[in-house]
Amino acid sequence: MKNFLFIIRGEGPTDASPEQMQQALMQYKQWASSLGSTYVDGQRLENTGVLLEDKSTIVTDGPFLESKEIIAGYVIVQSSNLEDAIEVAKNCPLVDHCMLEVRPVLSLPT
């Protein structure tokens, strides 16, 4: 099994009501729970942070408002191959509200 990272990409702040956001969160939790041990981790990201161009240059000091798309969070799942990971991503309720980029995590030799 390999780890796959789902990068949750959005278009910025949503106009969803607090009730709609709560419902989406519950759907996500149910989906994650249904994956069992396939689900490794997932978190929403805060709206603060920095982008470093090199060791001494801070290009962007969050909250990343100048970005057209935002990275809202991530999910890590285990799957046997990319095609299976894509099928898992298609069933994620987050895909109804934003884009999911599916990327294999490179396993470095120890």
N, C-alpha and C. Protein backbone atom coordinates (compact mmCIF):
# COMPACT_ATOMS: atom_id res chain seq x y z
N MET A 1 0.84 -1.19 0.00
CA MET A 1 0.00 0.00 0.00
C MET A 1 0.88 1.24 0.00
N LYS A 2 0.42 2.26 -0.71
CA LYS A 2 1.10 3.54 -0.78
C LYS A 2 0.22 4.62 -0.18
N ASN A 3 0.85 5.69 0.30
CA ASN A 3 0.11 6.84 0.75
C ASN A 3 -0.14 7.79 -0.41
N PHE A 4 -1.35 8.36 -0.43
CA PHE A 4 -1.72 9.36 -1.42
C PHE A 4 -2.24 10.59 -0.69
N LEU A 5 -1.81 11.74 -1.16
CA LEU A 5 -2.21 13.01 -0.58
C LEU A 5 -3.29 13.64 -1.45
N PHE A 6 -4.41 13.98 -0.84
CA PHE A 6 -5.46 14.73 -1.52
C PHE A 6 -5.30 16.18 -1.06
N ILE A 7 -4.93 17.05 -1.97
CA ILE A 7 -4.80 18.47 -1.65
C ILE A 7 -6.15 19.12 -1.94
N ILE A 8 -6.75 19.70 -0.92
CA ILE A 8 -8.08 20.30 -1.03
C ILE A 8 -7.90 21.74 -1.48
N ARG A 9 -8.34 22.04 -2.71
CA ARG A 9 -8.17 23.37 -3.30
C ARG A 9 -9.53 24.03 -3.46
N GLY A 10 -9.60 25.29 -3.08
CA GLY A 10 -10.84 26.04 -3.19
C GLY A 10 -10.63 27.36 -3.89
N GLU A 11 -11.71 28.06 -4.08
CA GLU A 11 -11.69 29.36 -4.75
C GLU A 11 -11.71 30.52 -3.77
N GLY A 12 -11.49 30.26 -2.50
CA GLY A 12 -11.53 31.33 -1.51
C GLY A 12 -12.70 31.14 -0.57
N PRO A 13 -13.03 32.17 0.19
CA PRO A 13 -14.11 32.04 1.16
C PRO A 13 -15.42 31.59 0.51
N THR A 14 -16.13 30.74 1.20
CA THR A 14 -17.38 30.23 0.68
C THR A 14 -18.55 31.05 1.21
N ASP A 15 -19.63 31.07 0.48
CA ASP A 15 -20.82 31.78 0.95
C ASP A 15 -21.81 30.81 1.60
N ALA A 16 -21.31 29.63 1.96
CA ALA A 16 -22.17 28.64 2.62
C ALA A 16 -22.54 29.12 4.02
N SER A 17 -23.73 28.79 4.43
CA SER A 17 -24.18 29.15 5.77
C SER A 17 -23.47 28.26 6.79
N PRO A 18 -23.48 28.66 8.07
CA PRO A 18 -22.88 27.79 9.10
C PRO A 18 -23.53 26.42 9.13
N GLU A 19 -24.84 26.34 8.86
CA GLU A 19 -25.53 25.05 8.84
C GLU A 19 -25.03 24.18 7.69
N GLN A 20 -24.82 24.79 6.52
CA GLN A 20 -24.31 24.05 5.38
C GLN A 20 -22.88 23.57 5.63
N MET A 21 -22.08 24.41 6.26
CA MET A 21 -20.71 24.02 6.58
C MET A 21 -20.69 22.86 7.57
N GLN A 22 -21.59 22.91 8.56
CA GLN A 22 -21.69 21.83 9.55
C GLN A 22 -22.11 20.53 8.88
N GLN A 23 -23.05 20.61 7.94
CA GLN A 23 -23.51 19.42 7.23
C GLN A 23 -22.37 18.83 6.39
N ALA A 24 -21.60 19.69 5.72
CA ALA A 24 -20.47 19.22 4.92
C ALA A 24 -19.43 18.55 5.80
N LEU A 25 -19.19 19.11 6.99
CA LEU A 25 -18.24 18.52 7.92
C LEU A 25 -18.71 17.15 8.39
N MET A 26 -19.98 17.01 8.68
CA MET A 26 -20.52 15.71 9.11
C MET A 26 -20.40 14.68 7.98
N GLN A 27 -20.68 15.08 6.75
CA GLN A 27 -20.54 14.17 5.61
C GLN A 27 -19.09 13.73 5.45
N TYR A 28 -18.16 14.67 5.63
CA TYR A 28 -16.75 14.33 5.53
C TYR A 28 -16.36 13.33 6.62
N LYS A 29 -16.79 13.58 7.84
CA LYS A 29 -16.46 12.67 8.95
C LYS A 29 -17.02 11.27 8.71
N GLN A 30 -18.23 11.18 8.18
CA GLN A 30 -18.82 9.88 7.87
C GLN A 30 -18.01 9.17 6.78
N TRP A 31 -17.62 9.92 5.76
CA TRP A 31 -16.83 9.35 4.67
C TRP A 31 -15.49 8.85 5.20
N ALA A 32 -14.79 9.68 5.98
CA ALA A 32 -13.49 9.30 6.53
C ALA A 32 -13.62 8.06 7.41
N SER A 33 -14.66 8.00 8.20
CA SER A 33 -14.89 6.84 9.07
C SER A 33 -15.14 5.58 8.25
N SER A 34 -15.84 5.73 7.14
CA SER A 34 -16.16 4.58 6.29
C SER A 34 -14.93 3.98 5.63
N LEU A 35 -13.83 4.74 5.55
CA LEU A 35 -12.61 4.25 4.92
C LEU A 35 -11.82 3.32 5.82
N GLY A 36 -12.11 3.31 7.11
CA GLY A 36 -11.39 2.44 8.03
C GLY A 36 -9.91 2.74 8.04
N SER A 37 -9.08 1.70 7.96
CA SER A 37 -7.63 1.89 8.04
C SER A 37 -7.04 2.50 6.78
N THR A 38 -7.82 2.62 5.71
CA THR A 38 -7.36 3.29 4.50
C THR A 38 -7.10 4.77 4.76
N TYR A 39 -7.89 5.35 5.67
CA TYR A 39 -7.76 6.76 6.03
C TYR A 39 -6.58 6.92 6.97
N VAL A 40 -5.62 7.76 6.61
CA VAL A 40 -4.43 7.97 7.44
C VAL A 40 -4.57 9.25 8.26
N ASP A 41 -4.90 10.36 7.60
CA ASP A 41 -4.99 11.65 8.28
C ASP A 41 -5.68 12.65 7.37
N GLY A 42 -6.15 13.72 7.96
CA GLY A 42 -6.74 14.82 7.20
C GLY A 42 -6.99 15.99 8.12
N GLN A 43 -6.68 17.17 7.66
CA GLN A 43 -6.88 18.36 8.47
C GLN A 43 -7.18 19.55 7.58
N ARG A 44 -7.88 20.49 8.15
CA ARG A 44 -8.08 21.79 7.50
C ARG A 44 -6.88 22.65 7.89
N LEU A 45 -6.47 23.54 7.00
CA LEU A 45 -5.34 24.41 7.29
C LEU A 45 -5.83 25.78 7.74
N GLU A 46 -5.06 26.41 8.63
CA GLU A 46 -5.38 27.76 9.05
C GLU A 46 -5.11 28.72 7.90
N ASN A 47 -5.66 29.92 7.98
CA ASN A 47 -5.51 30.92 6.93
C ASN A 47 -4.25 31.76 7.09
N THR A 48 -3.32 31.35 7.94
CA THR A 48 -2.09 32.10 8.14
C THR A 48 -0.91 31.24 7.71
N GLY A 49 0.23 31.88 7.52
CA GLY A 49 1.44 31.17 7.14
C GLY A 49 2.29 32.05 6.24
N VAL A 50 3.37 31.50 5.74
CA VAL A 50 4.25 32.25 4.86
C VAL A 50 4.69 31.36 3.70
N LEU A 51 5.13 31.98 2.64
CA LEU A 51 5.74 31.29 1.51
C LEU A 51 7.19 31.76 1.44
N LEU A 52 8.13 30.84 1.56
CA LEU A 52 9.55 31.17 1.50
C LEU A 52 10.09 30.91 0.10
N GLU A 53 10.74 31.91 -0.46
CA GLU A 53 11.39 31.74 -1.76
C GLU A 53 12.78 31.15 -1.59
N ASP A 54 13.44 31.54 -0.53
CA ASP A 54 14.73 30.97 -0.14
C ASP A 54 14.88 31.20 1.36
N LYS A 55 16.07 31.00 1.89
CA LYS A 55 16.25 31.08 3.35
C LYS A 55 16.00 32.46 3.92
N SER A 56 16.10 33.50 3.10
CA SER A 56 15.98 34.85 3.64
C SER A 56 14.84 35.66 3.04
N THR A 57 14.10 35.12 2.09
CA THR A 57 13.07 35.90 1.41
C THR A 57 11.69 35.32 1.67
N ILE A 58 10.85 36.10 2.35
CA ILE A 58 9.45 35.73 2.53
C ILE A 58 8.67 36.40 1.40
N VAL A 59 8.11 35.57 0.51
CA VAL A 59 7.40 36.09 -0.65
C VAL A 59 6.00 36.53 -0.26
N THR A 60 5.33 35.73 0.52
CA THR A 60 3.95 36.02 0.90
C THR A 60 3.79 35.81 2.39
N ASP A 61 3.21 36.78 3.04
CA ASP A 61 2.86 36.65 4.44
C ASP A 61 1.35 36.49 4.46
N GLY A 62 0.84 35.30 4.86
CA GLY A 62 -0.58 35.00 4.80
C GLY A 62 -1.44 36.13 5.28
N PRO A 63 -2.72 36.09 5.11
CA PRO A 63 -3.56 34.93 4.80
C PRO A 63 -3.80 34.66 3.33
N PHE A 64 -2.81 34.79 2.48
CA PHE A 64 -2.85 34.32 1.09
C PHE A 64 -4.04 34.84 0.30
N LEU A 65 -4.50 36.05 0.59
CA LEU A 65 -5.66 36.60 -0.10
C LEU A 65 -5.36 36.92 -1.56
N GLU A 66 -4.08 37.08 -1.90
CA GLU A 66 -3.76 37.40 -3.29
C GLU A 66 -3.79 36.18 -4.19
N SER A 67 -3.99 35.01 -3.62
CA SER A 67 -4.03 33.78 -4.40
C SER A 67 -5.43 33.57 -4.98
N LYS A 68 -5.48 33.15 -6.25
CA LYS A 68 -6.76 32.86 -6.88
C LYS A 68 -7.38 31.61 -6.25
N GLU A 69 -6.57 30.61 -6.00
CA GLU A 69 -7.02 29.38 -5.35
C GLU A 69 -6.34 29.28 -4.00
N ILE A 70 -7.02 28.67 -3.06
CA ILE A 70 -6.41 28.45 -1.76
C ILE A 70 -6.32 26.95 -1.52
N ILE A 71 -5.32 26.57 -0.76
CA ILE A 71 -5.23 25.19 -0.30
C ILE A 71 -5.87 25.18 1.08
N ALA A 72 -7.03 24.57 1.17
CA ALA A 72 -7.82 24.62 2.39
C ALA A 72 -7.44 23.52 3.38
N GLY A 73 -6.87 22.42 2.88
CA GLY A 73 -6.52 21.32 3.76
C GLY A 73 -6.00 20.15 2.97
N TYR A 74 -5.92 19.02 3.65
CA TYR A 74 -5.40 17.81 3.00
C TYR A 74 -6.03 16.57 3.62
N VAL A 75 -5.94 15.48 2.86
CA VAL A 75 -6.33 14.16 3.34
C VAL A 75 -5.24 13.21 2.87
N ILE A 76 -4.87 12.26 3.72
CA ILE A 76 -3.91 11.22 3.32
C ILE A 76 -4.63 9.88 3.44
N VAL A 77 -4.60 9.11 2.35
CA VAL A 77 -5.20 7.78 2.36
C VAL A 77 -4.16 6.78 1.87
N GLN A 78 -4.39 5.52 2.19
CA GLN A 78 -3.56 4.44 1.66
C GLN A 78 -4.34 3.73 0.57
N SER A 79 -3.64 3.44 -0.52
CA SER A 79 -4.27 2.75 -1.63
C SER A 79 -3.20 1.96 -2.37
N SER A 80 -3.63 0.96 -3.13
CA SER A 80 -2.66 0.13 -3.84
C SER A 80 -2.07 0.82 -5.07
N ASN A 81 -2.82 1.75 -5.67
CA ASN A 81 -2.31 2.45 -6.86
C ASN A 81 -3.09 3.75 -7.06
N LEU A 82 -2.64 4.54 -8.01
CA LEU A 82 -3.25 5.85 -8.27
C LEU A 82 -4.71 5.74 -8.68
N GLU A 83 -5.02 4.76 -9.50
CA GLU A 83 -6.40 4.60 -9.98
C GLU A 83 -7.36 4.34 -8.82
N ASP A 84 -6.94 3.50 -7.87
CA ASP A 84 -7.78 3.23 -6.70
C ASP A 84 -7.90 4.47 -5.81
N ALA A 85 -6.81 5.23 -5.69
CA ALA A 85 -6.85 6.46 -4.89
C ALA A 85 -7.81 7.47 -5.53
N ILE A 86 -7.84 7.53 -6.83
CA ILE A 86 -8.76 8.43 -7.53
C ILE A 86 -10.20 8.04 -7.24
N GLU A 87 -10.49 6.75 -7.22
CA GLU A 87 -11.85 6.30 -6.90
C GLU A 87 -12.23 6.70 -5.47
N VAL A 88 -11.29 6.60 -4.54
CA VAL A 88 -11.56 7.03 -3.17
C VAL A 88 -11.86 8.53 -3.16
N ALA A 89 -11.07 9.31 -3.89
CA ALA A 89 -11.27 10.76 -3.95
C ALA A 89 -12.62 11.12 -4.55
N LYS A 90 -13.05 10.38 -5.56
CA LYS A 90 -14.35 10.67 -6.20
C LYS A 90 -15.51 10.53 -5.22
N ASN A 91 -15.35 9.68 -4.22
CA ASN A 91 -16.41 9.47 -3.24
C ASN A 91 -16.34 10.43 -2.05
N CYS A 92 -15.31 11.24 -2.00
CA CYS A 92 -15.16 12.19 -0.91
C CYS A 92 -16.19 13.31 -1.08
N PRO A 93 -16.98 13.63 -0.04
CA PRO A 93 -17.99 14.68 -0.17
C PRO A 93 -17.39 16.06 -0.39
N LEU A 94 -16.11 16.24 -0.10
CA LEU A 94 -15.47 17.54 -0.33
C LEU A 94 -15.42 17.89 -1.81
N VAL A 95 -15.41 16.88 -2.67
CA VAL A 95 -15.32 17.13 -4.11
C VAL A 95 -16.56 17.85 -4.64
N ASP A 96 -17.64 17.87 -3.85
CA ASP A 96 -18.84 18.62 -4.23
C ASP A 96 -18.67 20.12 -4.00
N HIS A 97 -17.65 20.51 -3.21
CA HIS A 97 -17.48 21.91 -2.84
C HIS A 97 -16.16 22.51 -3.32
N CYS A 98 -15.21 21.66 -3.66
CA CYS A 98 -13.89 22.14 -4.05
C CYS A 98 -13.19 21.07 -4.89
N MET A 99 -11.99 21.38 -5.32
CA MET A 99 -11.21 20.42 -6.11
C MET A 99 -10.30 19.61 -5.21
N LEU A 100 -10.06 18.37 -5.58
CA LEU A 100 -9.10 17.52 -4.87
C LEU A 100 -8.00 17.14 -5.85
N GLU A 101 -6.79 17.49 -5.51
CA GLU A 101 -5.64 17.07 -6.29
C GLU A 101 -5.11 15.80 -5.64
N VAL A 102 -4.96 14.72 -6.39
CA VAL A 102 -4.52 13.43 -5.86
C VAL A 102 -3.06 13.23 -6.25
N ARG A 103 -2.19 13.08 -5.23
CA ARG A 103 -0.76 12.94 -5.48
C ARG A 103 -0.19 11.78 -4.68
N PRO A 104 0.58 10.89 -5.32
CA PRO A 104 1.26 9.84 -4.57
C PRO A 104 2.36 10.44 -3.71
N VAL A 105 2.52 9.90 -2.52
CA VAL A 105 3.60 10.33 -1.62
C VAL A 105 4.80 9.45 -1.91
N LEU A 106 5.92 10.07 -2.22
CA LEU A 106 7.13 9.34 -2.53
C LEU A 106 7.73 8.75 -1.26
N SER A 107 7.96 7.47 -1.26
CA SER A 107 8.58 6.80 -0.12
C SER A 107 10.08 6.78 -0.33
N LEU A 108 10.79 7.48 0.55
CA LEU A 108 12.24 7.52 0.44
C LEU A 108 12.83 6.32 1.17
N PRO A 109 13.91 5.75 0.63
CA PRO A 109 14.56 4.63 1.30
C PRO A 109 15.15 5.10 2.63
N THR A 110 15.11 4.22 3.61
CA THR A 110 15.68 4.58 4.93
C THR A 110 17.07 4.08 5.11
